[in-house]
Protein backbone atom coordinates (compact mmCIF):
# COMPACT_ATOMS: atom_id res chain seq x y z
CA MET A 1 61.42 -36.22 -22.44
CA LYS A 2 58.98 -34.73 -24.85
CA GLN A 3 56.19 -35.90 -22.63
CA SER A 4 57.56 -34.06 -19.58
CA GLU A 5 58.05 -30.89 -21.63
CA ALA A 6 54.49 -31.13 -22.84
CA GLY A 7 53.34 -31.70 -19.26
CA SER A 8 55.23 -28.66 -17.97
CA ALA A 9 53.90 -26.54 -20.80
CA LYS A 10 50.43 -27.70 -19.95
CA LYS A 11 50.97 -26.73 -16.32
CA LYS A 12 52.11 -23.26 -17.36
CA THR A 13 48.96 -22.61 -19.34
CA THR A 14 46.87 -23.98 -16.52
CA SER A 15 48.37 -21.57 -13.98
CA ALA A 16 47.95 -18.72 -16.47
CA GLN A 17 44.33 -19.69 -16.91
CA LYS A 18 43.86 -19.65 -13.14
CA LYS A 19 45.20 -16.12 -12.98
CA THR A 20 42.80 -14.84 -15.62
CA THR A 21 39.74 -16.62 -14.22
CA GLY A 22 40.37 -15.18 -10.76
CA ALA A 23 40.23 -11.61 -12.05
CA LYS A 24 37.01 -9.68 -11.48
CA LYS A 25 34.91 -8.96 -14.51
CA THR A 26 33.78 -5.41 -14.82
CA THR A 27 30.82 -4.40 -16.89
CA LYS A 28 30.14 -0.92 -18.08
CA LYS A 29 27.04 0.57 -16.59
CA GLN A 30 24.91 2.23 -19.20
CA PRO A 31 24.24 5.90 -18.53
CA THR A 32 20.71 6.82 -17.54
CA THR A 33 19.09 9.22 -19.94
CA TYR A 34 16.16 11.45 -19.13
CA ILE A 35 13.19 12.59 -21.15
CA GLN A 36 10.83 15.44 -20.58
CA ASP A 37 7.18 14.41 -20.56
CA LYS A 38 4.90 17.39 -20.13
CA SER A 39 1.82 15.24 -19.46
CA LYS A 40 3.37 13.91 -16.23
CA THR A 41 4.02 15.85 -13.06
CA LYS A 42 7.51 14.42 -12.78
CA ALA A 43 9.31 16.21 -15.59
CA ASN A 44 12.41 14.02 -15.68
CA ARG A 45 11.79 10.30 -15.76
CA PRO A 46 14.67 7.89 -16.25
CA ILE A 47 14.56 5.74 -19.36
CA PRO A 48 15.60 2.24 -18.35
CA PRO A 49 18.69 1.05 -20.19
CA LYS A 50 18.43 -1.74 -22.76
CA THR A 51 18.72 -5.06 -20.99
CA SER A 52 20.17 -8.36 -22.04
CA THR A 53 18.11 -11.53 -22.25
CA SER A 54 19.32 -12.84 -18.87
CA SER A 55 18.53 -9.50 -17.25
CA THR A 56 15.05 -9.58 -18.80
CA ARG A 57 14.54 -13.08 -17.42
CA THR A 58 15.63 -11.90 -13.97
CA THR A 59 13.25 -8.94 -14.15
CA SER A 60 10.43 -11.23 -15.21
CA MET A 61 11.16 -13.55 -12.29
CA ASN A 62 11.31 -10.58 -9.88
CA LYS A 63 7.94 -9.34 -11.14
CA LYS A 64 6.41 -12.78 -10.54
CA ARG A 65 7.92 -12.88 -7.04
CA MET A 66 6.61 -9.38 -6.35
CA LEU A 67 3.08 -10.31 -7.48
CA GLU A 68 3.14 -13.37 -5.21
CA ALA A 69 4.42 -11.24 -2.31
CA LEU A 70 1.62 -8.71 -2.91
CA LYS A 71 -0.89 -11.56 -2.75
CA VAL A 72 0.54 -12.88 0.53
CA ASN A 73 0.71 -9.37 2.05
CA LEU A 74 -2.80 -8.36 0.91
CA GLY A 75 -1.54 -5.72 -1.51
CA ILE A 76 0.63 -3.83 0.97
CA VAL A 77 3.51 -2.66 -1.21
CA THR A 78 6.14 -2.05 1.50
CA ALA A 79 5.62 -5.47 3.06
CA ALA A 80 5.73 -7.16 -0.35
CA CYS A 81 8.92 -5.31 -1.34
CA ASN A 82 10.61 -6.31 1.91
CA ALA A 83 9.53 -9.92 1.43
CA CYS A 84 11.03 -10.31 -2.04
CA GLY A 85 13.87 -7.77 -1.97
CA VAL A 86 12.50 -5.39 -4.60
CA LYS A 87 12.72 -1.65 -4.06
CA ARG A 88 9.47 0.31 -3.92
CA ALA A 89 10.73 2.59 -6.68
CA THR A 90 11.30 -0.45 -8.89
CA HIS A 91 7.74 -1.66 -8.26
CA TYR A 92 6.30 1.72 -9.23
CA ALA A 93 8.58 1.93 -12.30
CA TRP A 94 7.19 -1.45 -13.39
CA MET A 95 3.68 -0.11 -12.81
CA ARG A 96 4.41 2.82 -15.15
CA SER A 97 6.22 0.89 -17.86
CA ASP A 98 4.53 -2.55 -17.95
CA ILE A 99 0.78 -2.57 -18.61
CA LYS A 100 0.54 -6.31 -17.99
CA TYR A 101 2.23 -5.97 -14.57
CA LYS A 102 0.03 -2.98 -13.66
CA THR A 103 -3.12 -4.93 -14.61
CA SER A 104 -1.99 -7.86 -12.47
CA VAL A 105 -1.38 -5.57 -9.49
CA GLU A 106 -4.79 -3.91 -9.91
CA GLU A 107 -6.46 -7.34 -10.09
CA MET A 108 -4.58 -8.28 -6.91
CA ASP A 109 -6.00 -5.18 -5.20
CA GLU A 110 -9.51 -6.32 -6.09
CA VAL A 111 -8.83 -9.79 -4.67
CA CYS A 112 -7.56 -8.22 -1.43
CA LEU A 113 -10.66 -6.03 -1.21
CA ASP A 114 -12.85 -9.12 -1.71
CA PHE A 115 -10.95 -10.83 1.12
CA ALA A 116 -11.56 -7.87 3.45
CA GLU A 117 -15.26 -7.76 2.55
CA ALA A 118 -15.59 -11.50 3.24
CA SER A 119 -13.99 -10.96 6.65
CA LEU A 120 -16.42 -8.11 7.36
CA LEU A 121 -19.39 -10.29 6.43
CA ARG A 122 -18.15 -13.08 8.73
CA GLN A 123 -17.97 -10.56 11.58
CA ILE A 124 -21.51 -9.37 10.84
CA LYS A 125 -22.72 -12.99 10.92
CA ASN A 126 -21.01 -13.38 14.31
CA ASP A 127 -23.00 -10.37 15.63
CA VAL A 128 -20.08 -7.95 15.89
CA THR A 129 -22.04 -4.72 16.30
CA SER A 130 -19.29 -2.36 15.12
CA SER A 131 -18.96 -4.32 11.86
CA THR A 132 -22.71 -4.12 11.28
CA ILE A 133 -22.68 -0.37 11.91
CA PHE A 134 -19.72 0.11 9.55
CA TYR A 135 -21.44 -1.92 6.82
CA LEU A 136 -24.68 0.05 7.15
CA LYS A 137 -22.84 3.40 7.11
CA THR A 138 -21.02 2.49 3.91
CA LYS A 139 -23.44 0.24 2.00
CA GLY A 140 -26.79 1.35 3.45
CA LYS A 141 -26.60 5.06 2.64
CA LYS A 142 -29.40 4.94 0.09
CA ARG A 143 -31.65 3.41 2.77
CA GLY A 144 -30.92 6.25 5.19
CA TYR A 145 -28.14 4.70 7.26
CA VAL A 146 -25.98 7.79 7.39
CA GLU A 147 -24.21 9.39 10.26
CA THR A 148 -25.01 13.03 10.83
CA ASN A 149 -23.56 15.47 13.30
CA ILE A 150 -25.99 17.88 14.89
CA ASN A 151 -24.57 20.76 16.87
CA ILE A 152 -27.03 22.07 19.42
CA THR A 153 -26.04 25.30 21.06
CA HIS A 154 -28.00 27.32 23.50
CA ASP A 155 -27.24 30.96 23.99
CA SER A 156 -27.99 31.55 27.65
CA SER A 157 -26.88 35.20 27.56
CA HIS A 158 -30.42 36.28 26.55
CA GLN A 159 -32.22 34.35 29.26
CA ASP A 160 -33.02 35.97 32.60
CA PHE A 161 -32.49 33.32 35.28
CA THR A 162 -33.49 35.68 38.10
CA LYS A 163 -37.18 34.96 37.49
CA TYR A 164 -36.78 31.23 38.34
CA THR A 165 -36.98 29.69 41.79
CA ASP A 166 -34.11 27.62 43.17
CA GLU A 167 -36.08 24.41 42.53
CA GLU A 168 -36.70 25.41 38.89
CA LEU A 169 -33.00 26.23 38.40
CA ASP A 170 -32.07 22.78 39.84
CA GLU A 171 -34.46 21.16 37.33
CA ILE A 172 -32.91 23.15 34.47
CA ILE A 173 -29.45 21.98 35.54
CA LYS A 174 -30.58 18.37 36.05
CA TYR A 175 -32.97 17.86 33.09
CA GLY A 176 -32.26 20.76 30.76
CA TYR A 177 -35.77 22.11 31.25
CA ILE A 178 -38.25 22.78 34.05
CA LYS A 179 -39.84 19.36 34.56
CA SER A 180 -42.60 20.51 36.90
CA ARG A 181 -44.04 22.89 34.22
CA LYS A 182 -44.18 20.15 31.52
CA GLU A 183 -45.86 17.64 33.82
CA GLY A 184 -48.44 20.02 35.17
């Protein structure tokens, strides 16, 4: 009889435990505080709340995932954020607050630029004319490969066209000058 009483008592505590484990746990959200930094254009920047160790681990993992996503997406922030589920604002907050993360992102930008330059050079080797022109306009400036715009205007209001013959006027329209005078 004592055994059945102990068994029923055990069952009671078990059902009580089930009730308490099924309840939702609520955590208090820490209030966001703001500081005024006169050296920045954004006067009020949120100070991130103190995080627990597990939250810090999660943030660290998210930063690593974000860096990998930036690498895959050639440094395009929106595409990388969508790929790993990080908000753009979070990425830029990490850039402001974590020097190591910012350095990694900047190094990633350089790798992406190297990739683009390698692609450009492959196109030049494959005789893609537009790629060659672009390269010379950007890298060949000191050798004179620059694009200039020259505006040529002619004020015809001062010229008396009544002194020309019909044939000479046709040549002016066709060639821009009187061809028969230059040849003769």
